[in-house]
Amino acid sequence: QNELLVKRYLRSCDAYMHADVHGASSCVVRNRHSATATLPASALGMTSGPAAGSDVTVAARPISPMAMHEAGAGCICRSNAWANKIVTC
């Protein structure tokens, strides 16, 4: 199931989470800011240098550490180890 989840839903800008305990679920953390944007160099304050007068591609913002922490906690909480009181946070 994890492999199917990754193949079907994981994009290059997303993160894959899985807890390293028995029966843990997996989840895909979607990056809401996944699209790259092409902006004129002047919009980024580049008025001189090699990029001046051309377009610049701006990459997506990274996923926040809080989102990663919450996703990891969610994977643990949905595991068999949590249900059997083997793991506590």
Protein backbone atom coordinates (compact mmCIF):
# COMPACT_ATOMS: atom_id res chain seq x y z
CA GLN A 1 0.00 0.00 0.00
CA ASN A 2 2.81 2.44 0.82
CA GLU A 3 4.35 1.95 -2.60
CA LEU A 4 1.00 2.61 -4.27
CA LEU A 5 0.55 5.77 -2.21
CA VAL A 6 3.94 7.06 -3.28
CA LYS A 7 3.52 6.21 -6.95
CA ARG A 8 0.04 7.67 -7.18
CA TYR A 9 0.20 10.82 -5.04
CA LEU A 10 3.78 11.91 -4.27
CA ARG A 11 5.01 14.88 -6.30
CA SER A 12 8.62 16.03 -6.45
CA CYS A 13 7.92 18.94 -4.08
CA ASP A 14 6.04 16.83 -1.48
CA ALA A 15 7.38 14.87 1.49
CA TYR A 16 6.79 11.22 2.39
CA MET A 17 6.38 10.36 6.08
CA HIS A 18 6.50 6.95 7.73
CA ALA A 19 7.15 6.04 11.35
CA ASP A 20 9.73 3.32 11.93
CA VAL A 21 7.48 1.21 14.17
CA HIS A 22 5.38 -1.87 13.46
CA GLY A 23 2.01 -1.12 11.88
CA ALA A 24 2.67 2.57 11.29
CA SER A 25 0.83 4.30 8.51
CA SER A 26 2.40 6.41 5.80
CA CYS A 27 1.36 9.83 4.67
CA VAL A 28 2.21 12.28 1.96
CA VAL A 29 2.70 15.87 3.11
CA ARG A 30 1.55 18.03 0.23
CA ASN A 31 3.41 21.22 -0.47
CA ARG A 32 0.75 23.89 -1.04
CA HIS A 33 3.40 26.10 -2.63
CA SER A 34 4.48 23.55 -5.19
CA ALA A 35 4.35 25.59 -8.34
CA THR A 36 7.41 27.33 -9.65
CA ALA A 37 6.92 30.82 -10.97
CA THR A 38 8.69 32.65 -13.73
CA LEU A 39 9.14 36.31 -12.87
CA PRO A 40 10.92 39.13 -14.62
CA ALA A 41 14.30 39.79 -13.04
CA SER A 42 13.29 43.37 -12.34
CA ALA A 43 10.47 42.13 -10.03
CA LEU A 44 13.12 40.49 -7.85
CA GLY A 45 15.28 43.61 -7.71
CA MET A 46 17.83 42.29 -10.21
CA THR A 47 18.60 45.42 -12.16
CA SER A 48 22.19 44.62 -13.00
CA GLY A 49 24.26 41.54 -13.65
CA PRO A 50 23.78 38.56 -15.97
CA ALA A 51 20.09 38.02 -15.05
CA ALA A 52 19.05 41.63 -15.66
CA GLY A 53 16.41 41.91 -18.36
CA SER A 54 15.61 38.20 -18.39
CA ASP A 55 13.10 35.96 -16.64
CA VAL A 56 14.01 34.10 -13.45
CA THR A 57 12.39 30.88 -12.24
CA VAL A 58 11.58 30.93 -8.53
CA ALA A 59 11.34 27.54 -6.79
CA ALA A 60 8.57 26.40 -4.46
CA ARG A 61 8.74 27.16 -0.75
CA PRO A 62 9.78 24.26 1.49
CA ILE A 63 7.33 22.42 3.74
CA SER A 64 7.36 23.89 7.24
CA PRO A 65 9.04 21.99 10.09
CA MET A 66 5.75 22.15 12.04
CA ALA A 67 3.89 20.40 9.22
CA MET A 68 6.56 17.69 9.13
CA HIS A 69 6.37 17.24 12.92
CA GLU A 70 2.57 16.98 12.84
CA ALA A 71 2.66 14.45 10.00
CA GLY A 72 5.18 12.30 11.88
CA ALA A 73 3.07 12.44 15.04
CA GLY A 74 0.03 11.45 13.01
CA CYS A 75 1.84 8.41 11.61
CA ILE A 76 2.81 7.30 15.13
CA CYS A 77 -0.67 7.88 16.55
CA ARG A 78 -2.24 5.70 13.85
CA SER A 79 0.18 2.81 14.45
CA ASN A 80 -0.37 -0.51 16.23
CA ALA A 81 2.44 0.39 18.62
CA TRP A 82 0.49 3.44 19.83
CA ALA A 83 -2.72 1.41 20.21
CA ASN A 84 -0.85 -1.20 22.27
CA LYS A 85 0.74 1.53 24.47
CA ILE A 86 4.27 0.62 23.32
CA VAL A 87 5.08 4.15 22.12
CA THR A 88 4.29 7.40 23.91
CA CYS A 89 5.03 10.99 22.94
